[in-house]
Amino acid sequence: MTVLGSRRGNLVRMGALAVLCALGLAACGSSHSTYVTTNGGKPPVREGHAVRESHTVRIYSSLPLHGPERAESEAIIMGIRVARRQDALNYHVGRYQIEYKSLNDAGARGWTPAAVVRNAREVALDPQSVAYIGDLDSRATEYSLPILNQAGILQITPGSGYPGLTDRVPGITAADEPSEFYPNRSTRTLLRLIPSDLVEAAAALEQLQSEHCVHVGAAVFGGGSEATALQATVAQTARLYGMVYVPPEKANQPGSDPQQYPAYVSYMRSHAVGCFVLIGEVSRQAVALTQAIHAQLPAGYIVGTSGFCSRSWLGSGTSAVPAAAEGYLLCTSPTLPLTRYPGIRTFMGLYRQLPGKHPKNPSPYAIYGYQAAEMVLNVVDGFSNATDNRKQTLMRTVGMSPFPLYSAVLGIKYSFDKSGDTTSHAYGIYGFRDGRLVYETTLSPKLVIGPNAG
């Protein structure tokens, strides 16, 4: 994959401008962890001002409120509001006043590096900040994570699946990952609510295995280096499922010219490929390749990653995918239908009490917003007035805990491993019927490429 070390190095230096009292785990994941403080245990200084003792703590979110991920972001914010039970700034948990501030990390077309860095620095410099919910895109998290880690801020991402944010996987992540994201070497500050892309690749292949596929191909449409890394993950994971990954010849790369797609499919077909994984985002080219595959392999299954869980994959007009192909198109998603969560009735009851206008039924991404906020609020509820190591307490209780956490409203148990990844491997599989996206099943693949695996 493309190494982005120079860009990340600049971010680390920017994050260093926001150096705070970084309180860290000396032994992550241990039930007997030792805690150390910087600055000799004296009150930390931020931009020349000592932090004042306060019973106010602040939770931030940084999400793209414009562009293609706006709907998911708005749903996450709705979930945060449900967890807080109201929007009023005088909301209290225990003896602490909880303030929530929503930040936008996007311009008109989606998230931007400048907005992500600006938001991360604002949170890092705020003495009352205890948690940052974001970012949604893996590439955005690559910008915010070094800054927040330097500041010792708990970061909970509801959508960044790139494995290099938490682990090193040869052939998939860059050699300096994930250490490049953690300038504070003693502290891991990122928790990932969704399964990583390692799990998504396994879910796609497990689904194709159930369709009796043996030889598979994969093509990438957008998504940057993270999508390329996911393609490499598919190639490595195929072996675990007894499948053969067939790479295209250089002369037969799918590329961006749809006129070349029939030749590409013909080449793959000559090598016994009968099924494909499409990675990245729906585009005109992705629709054209889907058409080309179905034309030569009418019974060939195609699984798209989460960016393909959209009606737009079916195209429109003269560029529409044939209706007969619908039964062979599937996609993976880290979200499940709301009805699949045991405590959804309680959640919806709270959701409907929210003031203001909002959709009758929220997107499943609201679950991640609720889960992230609930984790933080439950820990804050246990703070004492004398607690001056709030960030440390959050990291110890929420992050890398050796015990499962439980959401009474959602009716689910979850926990995180020592790297910050969720231990859940649940991925939803969706199909299409009469132009509509429909839920098929949930997979929790066990054959997943592990960290440090060659």
Protein backbone atom coordinates (compact mmCIF):
# COMPACT_ATOMS: atom_id res chain seq x y z
CA MET A 1 0.00 0.00 0.00
CA THR A 2 1.03 3.64 -0.23
CA VAL A 3 3.10 4.74 2.74
CA LEU A 4 1.91 8.05 4.16
CA GLY A 5 4.65 8.49 6.74
CA SER A 6 5.74 12.00 5.74
CA ARG A 7 2.20 13.36 5.98
CA ARG A 8 1.69 11.72 9.35
CA GLY A 9 5.02 13.02 10.62
CA ASN A 10 3.85 16.58 9.98
CA LEU A 11 0.70 15.87 11.92
CA VAL A 12 2.64 14.55 14.87
CA ARG A 13 4.60 17.81 14.98
CA MET A 14 1.35 19.77 14.85
CA GLY A 15 -0.03 17.62 17.64
CA ALA A 16 3.06 18.37 19.71
CA LEU A 17 1.91 21.99 19.87
CA ALA A 18 -1.02 20.71 21.90
CA VAL A 19 1.02 18.76 24.46
CA LEU A 20 -1.09 18.13 27.55
CA CYS A 21 -0.90 15.98 30.65
CA ALA A 22 -0.82 12.68 28.76
CA LEU A 23 -1.74 10.02 31.28
CA GLY A 24 -0.89 6.56 29.97
CA LEU A 25 -1.11 2.85 30.49
CA ALA A 26 2.33 1.44 31.15
CA ALA A 27 1.05 -2.03 30.30
CA CYS A 28 -1.98 -1.97 28.03
CA GLY A 29 -4.45 -4.77 28.51
CA SER A 30 -3.05 -5.92 31.85
CA SER A 31 -5.39 -6.25 34.80
CA HIS A 32 -2.53 -4.88 36.94
CA SER A 33 -1.63 -1.89 34.81
CA THR A 34 0.61 0.78 36.30
CA TYR A 35 -0.26 4.40 35.69
CA VAL A 36 2.29 7.15 35.29
CA THR A 37 1.90 10.90 34.97
CA THR A 38 3.92 13.47 33.11
CA ASN A 39 5.16 16.79 34.48
CA GLY A 40 6.04 15.23 37.82
CA GLY A 41 2.41 14.98 38.82
CA LYS A 42 1.99 18.77 38.80
CA PRO A 43 -1.10 20.41 37.24
CA PRO A 44 -0.69 20.38 33.45
CA VAL A 45 -0.30 23.63 31.59
CA ARG A 46 -2.12 24.47 28.37
CA GLU A 47 -0.96 27.48 26.44
CA GLY A 48 0.42 29.06 29.60
CA HIS A 49 -2.67 28.55 31.80
CA ALA A 50 -2.95 25.99 34.57
CA VAL A 51 -6.01 23.77 34.29
CA ARG A 52 -8.67 24.85 36.79
CA GLU A 53 -10.50 22.26 38.84
CA SER A 54 -13.96 21.89 37.36
CA HIS A 55 -16.90 19.53 37.57
CA THR A 56 -17.67 20.03 33.87
CA VAL A 57 -16.53 17.48 31.31
CA ARG A 58 -16.98 17.81 27.59
CA ILE A 59 -17.60 15.18 24.91
CA TYR A 60 -16.90 16.07 21.29
CA SER A 61 -17.83 14.48 18.00
CA SER A 62 -16.04 15.25 14.74
CA LEU A 63 -17.97 13.97 11.74
CA PRO A 64 -18.61 14.98 8.09
CA LEU A 65 -21.84 16.98 8.18
CA HIS A 66 -21.62 17.63 4.44
CA GLY A 67 -20.89 15.32 1.52
CA PRO A 68 -21.57 11.63 0.91
CA GLU A 69 -21.29 10.55 4.57
CA ARG A 70 -23.67 13.17 5.93
CA ALA A 71 -26.53 10.72 6.59
CA GLU A 72 -24.34 8.38 8.63
CA SER A 73 -22.94 11.31 10.61
CA GLU A 74 -26.36 12.71 11.42
CA ALA A 75 -27.47 9.29 12.61
CA ILE A 76 -24.43 8.99 14.90
CA ILE A 77 -25.20 12.41 16.39
CA MET A 78 -28.80 11.32 16.95
CA GLY A 79 -27.48 8.30 18.84
CA ILE A 80 -25.32 10.53 21.03
CA ARG A 81 -28.36 12.66 21.79
CA VAL A 82 -30.33 9.57 22.76
CA ALA A 83 -27.59 8.51 25.18
CA ARG A 84 -27.66 11.95 26.79
CA ARG A 85 -31.47 11.79 26.96
CA GLN A 86 -31.65 15.48 26.01
CA ASP A 87 -29.76 18.30 24.30
CA ALA A 88 -29.63 20.77 27.17
CA LEU A 89 -26.15 21.90 28.19
CA ASN A 90 -27.07 21.53 31.86
CA TYR A 91 -27.33 17.75 31.57
CA HIS A 92 -25.66 16.04 34.53
CA VAL A 93 -24.29 12.58 35.24
CA GLY A 94 -23.62 12.06 38.91
CA ARG A 95 -21.88 15.20 40.12
CA TYR A 96 -20.60 16.20 36.70
CA GLN A 97 -22.12 18.55 34.18
CA ILE A 98 -21.80 16.96 30.73
CA GLU A 99 -21.45 19.20 27.72
CA TYR A 100 -21.53 17.86 24.19
CA LYS A 101 -20.20 19.71 21.16
CA SER A 102 -20.61 18.55 17.57
CA LEU A 103 -17.82 19.54 15.18
CA ASN A 104 -17.94 19.34 11.39
CA ASP A 105 -14.85 17.89 9.71
CA ALA A 106 -16.14 18.35 6.15
CA GLY A 107 -16.39 20.83 3.34
CA ALA A 108 -19.03 20.68 0.62
CA ARG A 109 -17.71 17.38 -0.80
CA GLY A 110 -16.83 15.57 2.41
CA TRP A 111 -14.16 15.56 5.10
CA THR A 112 -11.00 17.61 4.62
CA PRO A 113 -7.58 17.24 6.29
CA ALA A 114 -7.61 20.88 7.40
CA ALA A 115 -10.97 20.53 9.16
CA VAL A 116 -9.96 17.27 10.84
CA VAL A 117 -6.72 18.76 12.17
CA ARG A 118 -8.48 21.92 13.34
CA ASN A 119 -11.08 19.91 15.25
CA ALA A 120 -8.55 17.56 16.82
CA ARG A 121 -6.45 20.46 18.05
CA GLU A 122 -9.51 22.20 19.51
CA VAL A 123 -10.32 19.09 21.53
CA ALA A 124 -6.69 18.56 22.55
CA LEU A 125 -6.43 22.10 23.90
CA ASP A 126 -9.69 21.98 25.86
CA PRO A 127 -9.01 21.24 29.57
CA GLN A 128 -12.52 19.82 30.04
CA SER A 129 -12.43 17.41 27.07
CA VAL A 130 -12.58 13.72 27.95
CA ALA A 131 -13.60 12.00 24.71
CA TYR A 132 -13.69 12.48 20.94
CA ILE A 133 -16.19 10.49 18.87
CA GLY A 134 -14.82 10.32 15.32
CA ASP A 135 -13.63 10.31 12.70
CA LEU A 136 -15.79 8.34 10.30
CA ASP A 137 -13.32 7.78 7.45
CA SER A 138 -10.06 5.89 8.10
CA ARG A 139 -8.03 8.48 6.24
CA ALA A 140 -9.50 11.24 8.42
CA THR A 141 -8.63 9.28 11.55
CA GLU A 142 -5.02 9.09 10.34
CA TYR A 143 -4.91 12.87 10.72
CA SER A 144 -6.68 13.20 14.08
CA LEU A 145 -5.26 10.21 15.94
CA PRO A 146 -1.64 11.45 16.44
CA ILE A 147 -2.87 14.78 17.79
CA LEU A 148 -5.37 13.23 20.19
CA ASN A 149 -2.96 10.53 21.28
CA GLN A 150 -0.37 13.18 22.10
CA ALA A 151 -3.01 14.85 24.28
CA GLY A 152 -4.18 11.64 25.95
CA ILE A 153 -7.75 11.98 24.64
CA LEU A 154 -9.91 8.88 24.35
CA GLN A 155 -10.95 8.56 20.69
CA ILE A 156 -13.88 6.34 19.70
CA THR A 157 -14.29 5.80 15.97
CA PRO A 158 -17.62 4.57 14.62
CA GLY A 159 -16.42 3.89 11.10
CA SER A 160 -12.65 3.71 10.50
CA GLY A 161 -11.88 0.13 9.51
CA TYR A 162 -8.29 0.38 8.24
CA PRO A 163 -6.22 -2.26 10.15
CA GLY A 164 -3.08 -0.10 10.35
CA LEU A 165 -4.76 2.20 12.86
CA THR A 166 -4.46 -0.50 15.51
CA ASP A 167 -2.21 -3.31 14.26
CA ARG A 168 0.66 -4.25 11.99
CA VAL A 169 -0.19 -6.81 9.30
CA PRO A 170 2.64 -7.54 6.83
CA GLY A 171 1.64 -7.06 3.22
CA ILE A 172 -1.42 -5.05 4.23
CA THR A 173 -0.30 -2.17 6.47
CA ALA A 174 2.73 0.10 6.21
CA ALA A 175 5.89 -0.92 8.08
CA ASP A 176 5.68 2.00 10.54
CA GLU A 177 2.05 1.37 11.44
CA PRO A 178 0.43 1.58 13.90
CA SER A 179 3.29 3.15 15.92
CA GLU A 180 3.32 6.18 13.61
CA PHE A 181 -0.13 7.13 14.88
CA TYR A 182 0.84 7.00 18.55
CA PRO A 183 3.51 9.59 19.42
CA ASN A 184 2.73 8.85 23.07
CA ARG A 185 4.25 5.38 22.90
CA SER A 186 2.94 4.24 26.29
CA THR A 187 -0.74 4.91 25.52
CA ARG A 188 -3.22 3.53 23.02
CA THR A 189 -6.11 5.97 22.82
CA LEU A 190 -8.23 4.68 19.91
CA LEU A 191 -11.21 2.36 20.28
CA ARG A 192 -12.85 1.02 17.12
CA LEU A 193 -16.58 0.27 17.36
CA ILE A 194 -16.82 -1.53 14.02
CA PRO A 195 -14.88 -4.68 13.10
CA SER A 196 -11.74 -3.87 11.13
CA ASP A 197 -11.32 -4.38 7.39
CA LEU A 198 -9.62 -7.70 8.18
CA VAL A 199 -13.03 -8.95 9.33
CA GLU A 200 -14.86 -7.38 6.40
CA ALA A 201 -12.65 -9.23 3.92
CA ALA A 202 -13.29 -12.49 5.77
CA ALA A 203 -17.05 -11.88 5.78
CA ALA A 204 -17.05 -11.27 2.01
CA LEU A 205 -15.09 -14.46 1.34
CA GLU A 206 -17.12 -16.54 3.76
CA GLN A 207 -20.25 -15.46 1.90
CA LEU A 208 -18.68 -16.37 -1.46
CA GLN A 209 -17.59 -19.72 -0.05
CA SER A 210 -21.23 -20.42 0.84
CA GLU A 211 -22.04 -19.76 -2.84
CA HIS A 212 -19.49 -22.48 -3.79
CA CYS A 213 -16.96 -20.04 -5.21
CA VAL A 214 -13.37 -21.32 -5.49
CA HIS A 215 -11.50 -18.85 -7.71
CA VAL A 216 -12.10 -15.18 -6.92
CA GLY A 217 -10.98 -11.82 -8.27
CA ALA A 218 -11.15 -8.33 -6.79
CA ALA A 219 -11.24 -4.79 -8.15
CA VAL A 220 -10.89 -1.42 -6.42
CA PHE A 221 -12.90 1.73 -7.15
CA GLY A 222 -11.83 4.74 -5.11
CA GLY A 223 -11.10 4.63 -1.40
CA GLY A 224 -7.40 5.45 -1.64
CA SER A 225 -4.65 3.37 -0.08
CA GLU A 226 -7.05 1.88 2.47
CA ALA A 227 -9.07 0.26 -0.34
CA THR A 228 -5.85 -1.06 -1.87
CA ALA A 229 -4.98 -2.54 1.53
CA LEU A 230 -8.40 -4.20 1.65
CA GLN A 231 -7.73 -5.79 -1.73
CA ALA A 232 -4.46 -7.19 -0.33
CA THR A 233 -6.45 -8.47 2.66
CA VAL A 234 -8.84 -10.30 0.35
CA ALA A 235 -5.87 -11.89 -1.43
CA GLN A 236 -4.34 -13.13 1.84
CA THR A 237 -7.62 -14.19 3.46
CA ALA A 238 -8.73 -16.27 0.46
CA ARG A 239 -6.15 -18.90 1.40
CA LEU A 240 -7.76 -19.36 4.81
CA TYR A 241 -11.00 -20.33 3.08
CA GLY A 242 -9.36 -22.73 0.65
CA MET A 243 -10.01 -20.30 -2.19
CA VAL A 244 -7.70 -19.10 -4.93
CA TYR A 245 -7.25 -15.37 -5.44
CA VAL A 246 -6.45 -14.58 -9.07
CA PRO A 247 -4.75 -11.22 -9.70
CA PRO A 248 -5.17 -9.67 -13.14
CA GLU A 249 -2.30 -9.35 -15.58
CA LYS A 250 -0.91 -5.85 -15.93
CA ALA A 251 -2.36 -5.70 -19.42
CA ASN A 252 -5.77 -6.67 -18.12
CA GLN A 253 -6.19 -4.40 -15.10
CA PRO A 254 -9.80 -3.19 -14.86
CA GLY A 255 -8.62 0.44 -14.68
CA SER A 256 -10.92 3.38 -15.29
CA ASP A 257 -11.86 2.74 -18.91
CA PRO A 258 -15.06 0.65 -19.12
CA GLN A 259 -14.20 -0.33 -22.68
CA GLN A 260 -11.44 -2.53 -21.25
CA TYR A 261 -13.73 -4.37 -18.85
CA PRO A 262 -14.92 -7.13 -21.18
CA ALA A 263 -11.27 -8.10 -21.82
CA TYR A 264 -10.56 -8.08 -18.10
CA VAL A 265 -13.54 -10.31 -17.33
CA SER A 266 -12.61 -12.63 -20.20
CA TYR A 267 -9.09 -13.01 -18.79
CA MET A 268 -10.39 -13.74 -15.28
CA ARG A 269 -12.92 -16.19 -16.66
CA SER A 270 -10.16 -18.03 -18.53
CA HIS A 271 -8.50 -18.54 -15.15
CA ALA A 272 -11.64 -20.11 -13.68
CA VAL A 273 -12.68 -17.01 -11.74
CA GLY A 274 -16.41 -17.16 -11.16
CA CYS A 275 -16.87 -14.65 -8.32
CA PHE A 276 -15.64 -11.16 -7.51
CA VAL A 277 -15.19 -8.76 -4.62
CA LEU A 278 -15.63 -5.07 -5.46
CA ILE A 279 -13.90 -2.71 -3.04
CA GLY A 280 -14.22 1.00 -2.37
CA GLU A 281 -17.18 3.08 -3.54
CA VAL A 282 -19.91 2.93 -6.15
CA SER A 283 -18.94 4.78 -9.30
CA ARG A 284 -19.83 4.81 -12.98
CA GLN A 285 -16.91 2.45 -13.58
CA ALA A 286 -18.01 0.08 -10.81
CA VAL A 287 -21.48 -0.17 -12.35
CA ALA A 288 -19.92 -0.81 -15.78
CA LEU A 289 -17.73 -3.61 -14.42
CA THR A 290 -20.75 -5.17 -12.74
CA GLN A 291 -22.51 -5.16 -16.11
CA ALA A 292 -19.48 -6.72 -17.81
CA ILE A 293 -19.17 -9.47 -15.21
CA HIS A 294 -22.84 -10.38 -15.43
CA ALA A 295 -22.70 -10.40 -19.25
CA GLN A 296 -20.00 -13.10 -19.28
CA LEU A 297 -20.78 -14.79 -15.97
CA PRO A 298 -24.56 -14.53 -15.51
CA ALA A 299 -24.42 -16.82 -12.45
CA GLY A 300 -21.31 -15.24 -10.98
CA TYR A 301 -21.66 -13.76 -7.50
CA ILE A 302 -20.30 -10.30 -6.73
CA VAL A 303 -19.83 -9.09 -3.16
CA GLY A 304 -19.25 -5.37 -2.67
CA THR A 305 -17.73 -3.92 0.48
CA SER A 306 -19.70 -1.46 2.60
CA GLY A 307 -19.45 1.37 0.05
CA PHE A 308 -21.56 -0.76 -2.30
CA CYS A 309 -24.51 -1.15 0.08
CA SER A 310 -26.46 1.41 -1.91
CA ARG A 311 -29.15 1.39 -4.59
CA SER A 312 -26.78 3.43 -6.73
CA TRP A 313 -24.83 0.22 -7.42
CA LEU A 314 -27.71 -0.85 -9.67
CA GLY A 315 -27.18 2.19 -11.91
CA SER A 316 -29.94 3.81 -13.90
CA GLY A 317 -31.20 4.30 -17.44
CA THR A 318 -28.94 2.83 -20.13
CA SER A 319 -26.26 2.32 -17.44
CA ALA A 320 -28.48 0.15 -15.26
CA VAL A 321 -27.38 -3.29 -14.12
CA PRO A 322 -29.79 -5.91 -15.55
CA ALA A 323 -32.58 -6.88 -13.16
CA ALA A 324 -31.52 -10.52 -13.55
CA ALA A 325 -28.21 -9.65 -11.86
CA GLU A 326 -29.86 -8.55 -8.61
CA GLY A 327 -29.89 -12.05 -7.19
CA TYR A 328 -26.12 -12.28 -7.56
CA LEU A 329 -25.19 -8.95 -5.95
CA LEU A 330 -24.39 -8.85 -2.23
CA CYS A 331 -22.63 -6.37 0.04
CA THR A 332 -21.11 -6.27 3.50
CA SER A 333 -21.93 -3.71 6.17
CA PRO A 334 -20.81 -3.25 9.79
CA THR A 335 -24.35 -2.15 10.65
CA LEU A 336 -27.28 -4.47 11.15
CA PRO A 337 -30.97 -3.63 10.85
CA LEU A 338 -32.23 -1.96 14.02
CA THR A 339 -34.56 -4.91 14.65
CA ARG A 340 -31.52 -7.17 15.14
CA TYR A 341 -30.59 -5.43 18.41
CA PRO A 342 -32.34 -7.01 21.43
CA GLY A 343 -32.96 -3.71 23.21
CA ILE A 344 -34.12 -1.71 20.23
CA ARG A 345 -37.60 -1.02 21.67
CA THR A 346 -36.09 0.79 24.63
CA PHE A 347 -33.74 2.68 22.33
CA MET A 348 -36.57 3.75 20.03
CA GLY A 349 -38.64 4.87 23.00
CA LEU A 350 -35.84 7.23 24.03
CA TYR A 351 -35.25 8.28 20.42
CA ARG A 352 -38.85 9.35 19.96
CA GLN A 353 -38.59 11.58 23.03
CA LEU A 354 -35.88 13.71 21.43
CA PRO A 355 -36.95 17.31 20.87
CA GLY A 356 -37.09 18.74 17.37
CA LYS A 357 -37.59 17.08 14.00
CA HIS A 358 -35.86 13.82 13.16
CA PRO A 359 -36.53 10.78 10.94
CA LYS A 360 -39.17 8.34 12.14
CA ASN A 361 -36.64 5.50 11.93
CA PRO A 362 -32.94 6.37 12.32
CA SER A 363 -30.11 4.82 10.38
CA PRO A 364 -28.42 1.89 12.16
CA TYR A 365 -25.38 4.16 12.57
CA ALA A 366 -27.32 5.76 15.43
CA ILE A 367 -26.45 2.64 17.40
CA TYR A 368 -22.73 3.52 17.21
CA GLY A 369 -23.36 7.06 18.38
CA TYR A 370 -25.37 5.76 21.31
CA GLN A 371 -22.78 3.12 22.19
CA ALA A 372 -19.88 5.58 22.13
CA ALA A 373 -21.64 8.15 24.30
CA GLU A 374 -22.99 5.55 26.69
CA MET A 375 -19.50 4.18 27.33
CA VAL A 376 -18.21 7.61 28.28
CA LEU A 377 -21.25 8.62 30.36
CA ASN A 378 -21.19 5.38 32.36
CA VAL A 379 -17.58 6.00 33.35
CA VAL A 380 -18.16 9.67 34.14
CA ASP A 381 -20.96 8.57 36.45
CA GLY A 382 -18.30 6.85 38.54
CA PHE A 383 -16.03 9.87 38.80
CA SER A 384 -15.52 11.35 42.24
CA ASN A 385 -15.23 15.08 42.75
CA ALA A 386 -11.58 14.53 43.58
CA THR A 387 -10.91 12.80 40.28
CA ASP A 388 -8.31 14.84 38.46
CA ASN A 389 -7.15 12.02 36.19
CA ARG A 390 -10.37 11.79 34.20
CA LYS A 391 -8.76 10.80 30.92
CA GLN A 392 -6.76 8.11 32.71
CA THR A 393 -9.93 6.74 34.32
CA LEU A 394 -11.68 6.61 30.94
CA MET A 395 -8.82 4.73 29.32
CA ARG A 396 -8.60 2.25 32.18
CA THR A 397 -12.33 1.56 32.41
CA VAL A 398 -13.45 1.75 28.78
CA GLY A 399 -10.34 0.97 26.77
CA MET A 400 -8.62 -2.39 26.69
CA SER A 401 -10.66 -3.63 29.64
CA PRO A 402 -10.30 -7.33 30.47
CA PHE A 403 -14.04 -7.56 31.16
CA PRO A 404 -17.01 -7.21 28.78
CA LEU A 405 -18.99 -3.99 28.72
CA TYR A 406 -22.75 -4.09 28.51
CA SER A 407 -25.34 -1.80 26.99
CA ALA A 408 -28.63 -2.24 28.83
CA VAL A 409 -30.55 -0.29 26.20
CA LEU A 410 -29.08 -2.11 23.20
CA GLY A 411 -29.05 -5.46 24.99
CA ILE A 412 -25.56 -6.30 23.72
CA LYS A 413 -22.19 -7.18 25.25
CA TYR A 414 -18.93 -5.99 23.77
CA SER A 415 -15.30 -5.44 24.69
CA PHE A 416 -12.01 -4.38 23.12
CA ASP A 417 -8.71 -6.15 22.72
CA LYS A 418 -5.38 -4.68 23.79
CA SER A 419 -5.01 -2.91 20.42
CA GLY A 420 -8.37 -1.14 20.73
CA ASP A 421 -10.34 -3.31 18.30
CA THR A 422 -13.83 -4.51 19.12
CA THR A 423 -13.99 -8.21 19.82
CA SER A 424 -17.20 -8.44 17.81
CA HIS A 425 -16.83 -9.86 14.30
CA ALA A 426 -20.46 -9.38 13.30
CA TYR A 427 -20.94 -8.16 9.72
CA GLY A 428 -24.27 -7.79 7.97
CA ILE A 429 -24.78 -9.29 4.51
CA TYR A 430 -27.27 -7.49 2.29
CA GLY A 431 -28.73 -8.21 -1.13
CA PHE A 432 -31.06 -6.51 -3.59
CA ARG A 433 -34.67 -7.18 -4.40
CA ASP A 434 -36.75 -5.10 -6.81
CA GLY A 435 -34.20 -2.31 -6.58
CA ARG A 436 -34.23 -2.27 -2.76
CA LEU A 437 -31.45 -3.15 -0.36
CA VAL A 438 -32.53 -6.07 1.84
CA TYR A 439 -30.90 -7.75 4.82
CA GLU A 440 -29.87 -11.36 4.25
CA THR A 441 -27.90 -12.61 7.27
CA THR A 442 -25.20 -11.81 9.82
CA LEU A 443 -21.77 -13.41 9.62
CA SER A 444 -19.15 -13.53 12.37
CA PRO A 445 -16.17 -15.00 10.50
CA LYS A 446 -13.56 -16.83 12.55
CA LEU A 447 -11.00 -17.23 9.77
CA VAL A 448 -9.49 -13.75 9.93
CA ILE A 449 -5.94 -12.71 9.08
CA GLY A 450 -4.33 -11.86 12.39
CA PRO A 451 -1.95 -9.06 13.35
CA ASN A 452 1.70 -9.88 12.60
CA ALA A 453 0.62 -12.70 10.29
CA GLY A 454 2.78 -13.19 7.25
